[in-house]
Amino acid sequence: MNKKGFTLIELLAVILLLGLIVGISSPTVVTVITNIRSKSNDVSFQGIKNSADLYIKENIEDTKWVMDPSTNNEYTCVNVVELINKGYIKESSVTEYKENVVKITRDSNTKA
């Protein structure tokens, strides 16, 4: 009799090995995905900060500055929605930051 195919034990061994491979590799994959998302958020926020800096520099005359008594520095805040409405950033790129405000501290580059 000519037997072709795999036995139940052989199939179970393959399934067990595949399960071990998935079990070992999945924490690494999750860590990589988490790190990529974190870096992506950092890049998104840096783009928002750069857009807010540009907005302040282009609208310096209309900007209201507030003194921070703890640091003796002046600062202003820009709402992310305002940056979207004025065309400094695209709405689709900042959906998770829409409710945020960017704080810009006045330095030598932002003097009126």
N, C-alpha and C. Protein backbone atom coordinates (compact mmCIF):
# COMPACT_ATOMS: atom_id res chain seq x y z
N MET A 1 0.82 -1.17 0.00
CA MET A 1 0.00 0.00 0.00
C MET A 1 0.88 1.25 0.00
N ASN A 2 0.57 2.17 -0.88
CA ASN A 2 1.35 3.38 -1.04
C ASN A 2 0.68 4.51 -0.24
N LYS A 3 1.35 4.96 0.81
CA LYS A 3 0.78 6.03 1.65
C LYS A 3 1.33 7.37 1.22
N LYS A 4 0.42 8.31 0.95
CA LYS A 4 0.81 9.68 0.61
C LYS A 4 0.10 10.61 1.57
N GLY A 5 0.78 11.71 1.95
CA GLY A 5 0.15 12.68 2.85
C GLY A 5 0.90 12.74 4.18
N PHE A 6 0.32 13.50 5.11
CA PHE A 6 0.94 13.72 6.40
C PHE A 6 0.10 13.08 7.49
N THR A 7 0.76 12.68 8.54
CA THR A 7 0.03 12.12 9.68
C THR A 7 -0.46 13.26 10.55
N LEU A 8 -1.37 12.94 11.44
CA LEU A 8 -1.93 13.94 12.36
C LEU A 8 -0.82 14.51 13.24
N ILE A 9 0.09 13.72 13.67
CA ILE A 9 1.20 14.17 14.52
C ILE A 9 2.07 15.18 13.77
N GLU A 10 2.36 14.90 12.51
CA GLU A 10 3.17 15.83 11.72
C GLU A 10 2.46 17.17 11.55
N LEU A 11 1.17 17.15 11.28
CA LEU A 11 0.41 18.39 11.14
C LEU A 11 0.38 19.17 12.46
N LEU A 12 0.19 18.48 13.57
CA LEU A 12 0.18 19.15 14.88
C LEU A 12 1.55 19.75 15.19
N ALA A 13 2.61 19.07 14.82
CA ALA A 13 3.96 19.60 15.05
C ALA A 13 4.18 20.88 14.26
N VAL A 14 3.73 20.93 13.02
CA VAL A 14 3.88 22.13 12.19
C VAL A 14 3.07 23.28 12.78
N ILE A 15 1.83 22.99 13.19
CA ILE A 15 0.98 24.02 13.79
C ILE A 15 1.61 24.55 15.08
N LEU A 16 2.18 23.66 15.88
CA LEU A 16 2.84 24.06 17.12
C LEU A 16 4.05 24.96 16.84
N LEU A 17 4.84 24.61 15.84
CA LEU A 17 6.00 25.42 15.48
C LEU A 17 5.57 26.80 14.97
N LEU A 18 4.54 26.85 14.15
CA LEU A 18 4.03 28.14 13.67
C LEU A 18 3.51 28.98 14.84
N GLY A 19 2.83 28.36 15.77
CA GLY A 19 2.34 29.08 16.96
C GLY A 19 3.48 29.64 17.79
N LEU A 20 4.55 28.88 17.94
CA LEU A 20 5.73 29.37 18.67
C LEU A 20 6.37 30.55 17.96
N ILE A 21 6.48 30.47 16.67
CA ILE A 21 7.07 31.58 15.89
C ILE A 21 6.24 32.84 16.05
N VAL A 22 4.92 32.72 15.94
CA VAL A 22 4.03 33.87 16.11
C VAL A 22 4.13 34.41 17.53
N GLY A 23 4.15 33.53 18.51
CA GLY A 23 4.24 33.95 19.91
C GLY A 23 5.53 34.68 20.24
N ILE A 24 6.60 34.26 19.63
CA ILE A 24 7.90 34.91 19.88
C ILE A 24 8.01 36.23 19.13
N SER A 25 7.50 36.29 17.90
CA SER A 25 7.70 37.49 17.08
C SER A 25 6.66 38.58 17.33
N SER A 26 5.48 38.26 17.82
CA SER A 26 4.43 39.28 17.94
C SER A 26 4.78 40.41 18.91
N PRO A 27 5.43 40.17 20.07
CA PRO A 27 5.80 41.32 20.92
C PRO A 27 6.77 42.28 20.21
N THR A 28 7.66 41.73 19.42
CA THR A 28 8.60 42.56 18.68
C THR A 28 7.87 43.41 17.64
N VAL A 29 6.94 42.81 16.94
CA VAL A 29 6.17 43.53 15.93
C VAL A 29 5.35 44.64 16.59
N VAL A 30 4.71 44.35 17.72
CA VAL A 30 3.92 45.36 18.43
C VAL A 30 4.81 46.51 18.89
N THR A 31 6.00 46.21 19.38
CA THR A 31 6.94 47.26 19.81
C THR A 31 7.35 48.14 18.64
N VAL A 32 7.64 47.54 17.51
CA VAL A 32 8.04 48.30 16.32
C VAL A 32 6.90 49.21 15.88
N ILE A 33 5.69 48.70 15.85
CA ILE A 33 4.54 49.50 15.43
C ILE A 33 4.33 50.67 16.40
N THR A 34 4.45 50.42 17.69
CA THR A 34 4.29 51.47 18.69
C THR A 34 5.36 52.55 18.52
N ASN A 35 6.60 52.15 18.28
CA ASN A 35 7.68 53.12 18.08
C ASN A 35 7.45 53.96 16.83
N ILE A 36 6.98 53.34 15.77
CA ILE A 36 6.72 54.07 14.52
C ILE A 36 5.61 55.08 14.72
N ARG A 37 4.54 54.69 15.43
CA ARG A 37 3.45 55.63 15.69
C ARG A 37 3.93 56.80 16.54
N SER A 38 4.75 56.51 17.52
CA SER A 38 5.28 57.57 18.39
C SER A 38 6.13 58.56 17.59
N LYS A 39 7.00 58.03 16.74
CA LYS A 39 7.84 58.90 15.91
C LYS A 39 7.00 59.69 14.92
N SER A 40 5.95 59.07 14.40
CA SER A 40 5.05 59.76 13.48
C SER A 40 4.35 60.92 14.18
N ASN A 41 3.91 60.70 15.41
CA ASN A 41 3.29 61.77 16.18
C ASN A 41 4.27 62.89 16.47
N ASP A 42 5.53 62.54 16.76
CA ASP A 42 6.55 63.56 17.00
C ASP A 42 6.74 64.41 15.75
N VAL A 43 6.80 63.77 14.60
CA VAL A 43 6.98 64.49 13.34
C VAL A 43 5.77 65.37 13.07
N SER A 44 4.56 64.85 13.32
CA SER A 44 3.35 65.64 13.10
C SER A 44 3.35 66.87 14.00
N PHE A 45 3.70 66.68 15.27
CA PHE A 45 3.70 67.81 16.17
C PHE A 45 4.78 68.82 15.79
N GLN A 46 5.93 68.36 15.34
CA GLN A 46 6.98 69.29 14.92
C GLN A 46 6.51 70.11 13.72
N GLY A 47 5.77 69.49 12.81
CA GLY A 47 5.21 70.22 11.67
C GLY A 47 4.21 71.28 12.12
N ILE A 48 3.40 70.94 13.10
CA ILE A 48 2.44 71.91 13.65
C ILE A 48 3.19 73.07 14.30
N LYS A 49 4.23 72.76 15.06
CA LYS A 49 5.02 73.80 15.73
C LYS A 49 5.67 74.72 14.69
N ASN A 50 6.22 74.14 13.63
CA ASN A 50 6.84 74.96 12.58
C ASN A 50 5.80 75.85 11.90
N SER A 51 4.61 75.30 11.66
CA SER A 51 3.54 76.10 11.05
C SER A 51 3.11 77.22 11.97
N ALA A 52 3.03 76.94 13.27
CA ALA A 52 2.66 77.99 14.24
C ALA A 52 3.73 79.08 14.29
N ASP A 53 5.00 78.69 14.25
CA ASP A 53 6.09 79.68 14.22
C ASP A 53 5.96 80.59 13.00
N LEU A 54 5.71 79.98 11.85
CA LEU A 54 5.55 80.76 10.61
C LEU A 54 4.34 81.68 10.71
N TYR A 55 3.23 81.17 11.24
CA TYR A 55 2.02 81.98 11.40
C TYR A 55 2.30 83.20 12.28
N ILE A 56 3.01 83.00 13.38
CA ILE A 56 3.34 84.11 14.29
C ILE A 56 4.24 85.11 13.59
N LYS A 57 5.25 84.64 12.88
CA LYS A 57 6.18 85.55 12.20
C LYS A 57 5.47 86.37 11.12
N GLU A 58 4.51 85.76 10.44
CA GLU A 58 3.79 86.48 9.38
C GLU A 58 2.70 87.40 9.93
N ASN A 59 2.28 87.18 11.17
CA ASN A 59 1.21 87.97 11.78
C ASN A 59 1.67 88.61 13.09
N ILE A 60 2.93 89.01 13.15
CA ILE A 60 3.53 89.50 14.38
C ILE A 60 2.82 90.76 14.91
N GLU A 61 2.32 91.59 14.00
CA GLU A 61 1.67 92.85 14.44
C GLU A 61 0.37 92.56 15.18
N ASP A 62 -0.33 91.51 14.80
CA ASP A 62 -1.63 91.19 15.40
C ASP A 62 -1.52 90.23 16.59
N THR A 63 -0.31 89.82 16.91
CA THR A 63 -0.12 88.82 17.96
C THR A 63 -0.15 89.46 19.34
N LYS A 64 -0.91 88.86 20.24
CA LYS A 64 -0.97 89.31 21.63
C LYS A 64 -0.05 88.41 22.46
N TRP A 65 0.92 89.03 23.10
CA TRP A 65 1.89 88.30 23.90
C TRP A 65 1.52 88.40 25.37
N VAL A 66 1.80 87.35 26.13
CA VAL A 66 1.51 87.29 27.55
C VAL A 66 2.82 87.00 28.28
N MET A 67 3.02 87.65 29.43
CA MET A 67 4.24 87.43 30.21
C MET A 67 4.06 86.22 31.13
N ASP A 68 5.01 85.32 31.10
CA ASP A 68 5.02 84.17 32.01
C ASP A 68 5.85 84.57 33.22
N PRO A 69 5.23 84.78 34.39
CA PRO A 69 5.98 85.27 35.55
C PRO A 69 7.02 84.29 36.07
N SER A 70 6.84 83.01 35.81
CA SER A 70 7.81 82.03 36.33
C SER A 70 9.11 82.04 35.53
N THR A 71 9.06 82.42 34.26
CA THR A 71 10.27 82.41 33.43
C THR A 71 10.65 83.79 32.91
N ASN A 72 9.78 84.78 33.11
CA ASN A 72 9.99 86.13 32.57
C ASN A 72 10.11 86.14 31.05
N ASN A 73 9.47 85.19 30.40
CA ASN A 73 9.44 85.14 28.94
C ASN A 73 8.02 85.45 28.48
N GLU A 74 7.91 86.09 27.33
CA GLU A 74 6.61 86.31 26.73
C GLU A 74 6.26 85.12 25.85
N TYR A 75 4.96 84.82 25.81
CA TYR A 75 4.51 83.73 24.96
C TYR A 75 3.14 84.07 24.39
N THR A 76 2.79 83.32 23.37
CA THR A 76 1.46 83.42 22.78
C THR A 76 1.01 82.01 22.44
N CYS A 77 -0.26 81.84 22.25
CA CYS A 77 -0.80 80.52 21.92
C CYS A 77 -1.55 80.59 20.59
N VAL A 78 -1.40 79.54 19.81
CA VAL A 78 -2.08 79.45 18.52
C VAL A 78 -2.89 78.16 18.53
N ASN A 79 -4.16 78.27 18.22
CA ASN A 79 -5.03 77.11 18.15
C ASN A 79 -4.78 76.38 16.83
N VAL A 80 -4.74 75.06 16.89
CA VAL A 80 -4.50 74.26 15.69
C VAL A 80 -5.60 74.49 14.65
N VAL A 81 -6.83 74.66 15.11
CA VAL A 81 -7.94 74.92 14.17
C VAL A 81 -7.70 76.22 13.41
N GLU A 82 -7.14 77.22 14.09
CA GLU A 82 -6.83 78.49 13.43
C GLU A 82 -5.78 78.28 12.33
N LEU A 83 -4.79 77.44 12.62
CA LEU A 83 -3.76 77.14 11.61
C LEU A 83 -4.38 76.43 10.40
N ILE A 84 -5.35 75.56 10.66
CA ILE A 84 -6.04 74.87 9.57
C ILE A 84 -6.85 75.88 8.75
N ASN A 85 -7.61 76.73 9.45
CA ASN A 85 -8.47 77.71 8.77
C ASN A 85 -7.68 78.71 7.93
N LYS A 86 -6.48 79.07 8.39
CA LYS A 86 -5.65 80.03 7.67
C LYS A 86 -4.80 79.37 6.58
N GLY A 87 -4.86 78.03 6.48
CA GLY A 87 -4.15 77.33 5.41
C GLY A 87 -2.70 77.00 5.72
N TYR A 88 -2.30 77.08 6.98
CA TYR A 88 -0.91 76.77 7.32
C TYR A 88 -0.67 75.27 7.44
N ILE A 89 -1.70 74.50 7.75
CA ILE A 89 -1.59 73.05 7.80
C ILE A 89 -2.87 72.44 7.22
N LYS A 90 -2.75 71.19 6.77
CA LYS A 90 -3.91 70.47 6.24
C LYS A 90 -4.62 69.75 7.38
N GLU A 91 -5.93 69.80 7.34
CA GLU A 91 -6.72 69.18 8.40
C GLU A 91 -6.48 67.68 8.49
N SER A 92 -6.32 67.03 7.37
CA SER A 92 -6.18 65.57 7.37
C SER A 92 -4.89 65.12 8.05
N SER A 93 -3.89 65.99 8.15
CA SER A 93 -2.62 65.58 8.74
C SER A 93 -2.56 65.76 10.25
N VAL A 94 -3.58 66.39 10.84
CA VAL A 94 -3.51 66.69 12.27
C VAL A 94 -4.80 66.34 13.01
N THR A 95 -5.47 65.31 12.61
CA THR A 95 -6.77 65.01 13.22
C THR A 95 -6.66 64.78 14.73
N GLU A 96 -5.56 64.16 15.19
CA GLU A 96 -5.43 63.90 16.63
C GLU A 96 -5.03 65.14 17.43
N TYR A 97 -4.63 66.22 16.76
CA TYR A 97 -4.20 67.44 17.45
C TYR A 97 -5.19 68.59 17.32
N LYS A 98 -6.36 68.35 16.73
CA LYS A 98 -7.27 69.45 16.41
C LYS A 98 -7.69 70.27 17.63
N GLU A 99 -7.78 69.65 18.79
CA GLU A 99 -8.23 70.36 19.99
C GLU A 99 -7.07 71.03 20.72
N ASN A 100 -5.86 70.92 20.22
CA ASN A 100 -4.69 71.42 20.92
C ASN A 100 -4.37 72.87 20.59
N VAL A 101 -3.55 73.44 21.46
CA VAL A 101 -3.05 74.79 21.28
C VAL A 101 -1.53 74.71 21.34
N VAL A 102 -0.86 75.46 20.47
CA VAL A 102 0.60 75.47 20.45
C VAL A 102 1.07 76.74 21.15
N LYS A 103 1.97 76.57 22.11
CA LYS A 103 2.52 77.70 22.85
C LYS A 103 3.84 78.10 22.21
N ILE A 104 3.95 79.37 21.82
CA ILE A 104 5.17 79.89 21.18
C ILE A 104 5.78 80.91 22.12
N THR A 105 7.03 80.71 22.49
CA THR A 105 7.74 81.65 23.34
C THR A 105 8.46 82.66 22.47
N ARG A 106 8.40 83.92 22.88
CA ARG A 106 9.04 84.99 22.10
C ARG A 106 10.53 84.92 22.31
N ASP A 107 11.27 84.95 21.20
CA ASP A 107 12.73 85.01 21.26
C ASP A 107 13.19 86.09 20.29
N SER A 108 14.46 86.12 20.00
CA SER A 108 15.01 87.17 19.15
C SER A 108 14.43 87.09 17.72
N ASN A 109 13.98 85.92 17.29
CA ASN A 109 13.43 85.78 15.95
C ASN A 109 11.99 86.27 15.84
N THR A 110 11.30 86.41 16.97
CA THR A 110 9.88 86.79 16.93
C THR A 110 9.66 88.18 17.52
N LYS A 111 10.68 89.01 17.57
CA LYS A 111 10.51 90.38 18.06
C LYS A 111 9.77 91.20 17.02
N ALA A 112 8.89 92.04 17.50
CA ALA A 112 8.12 92.90 16.59
C ALA A 112 8.97 94.05 16.10
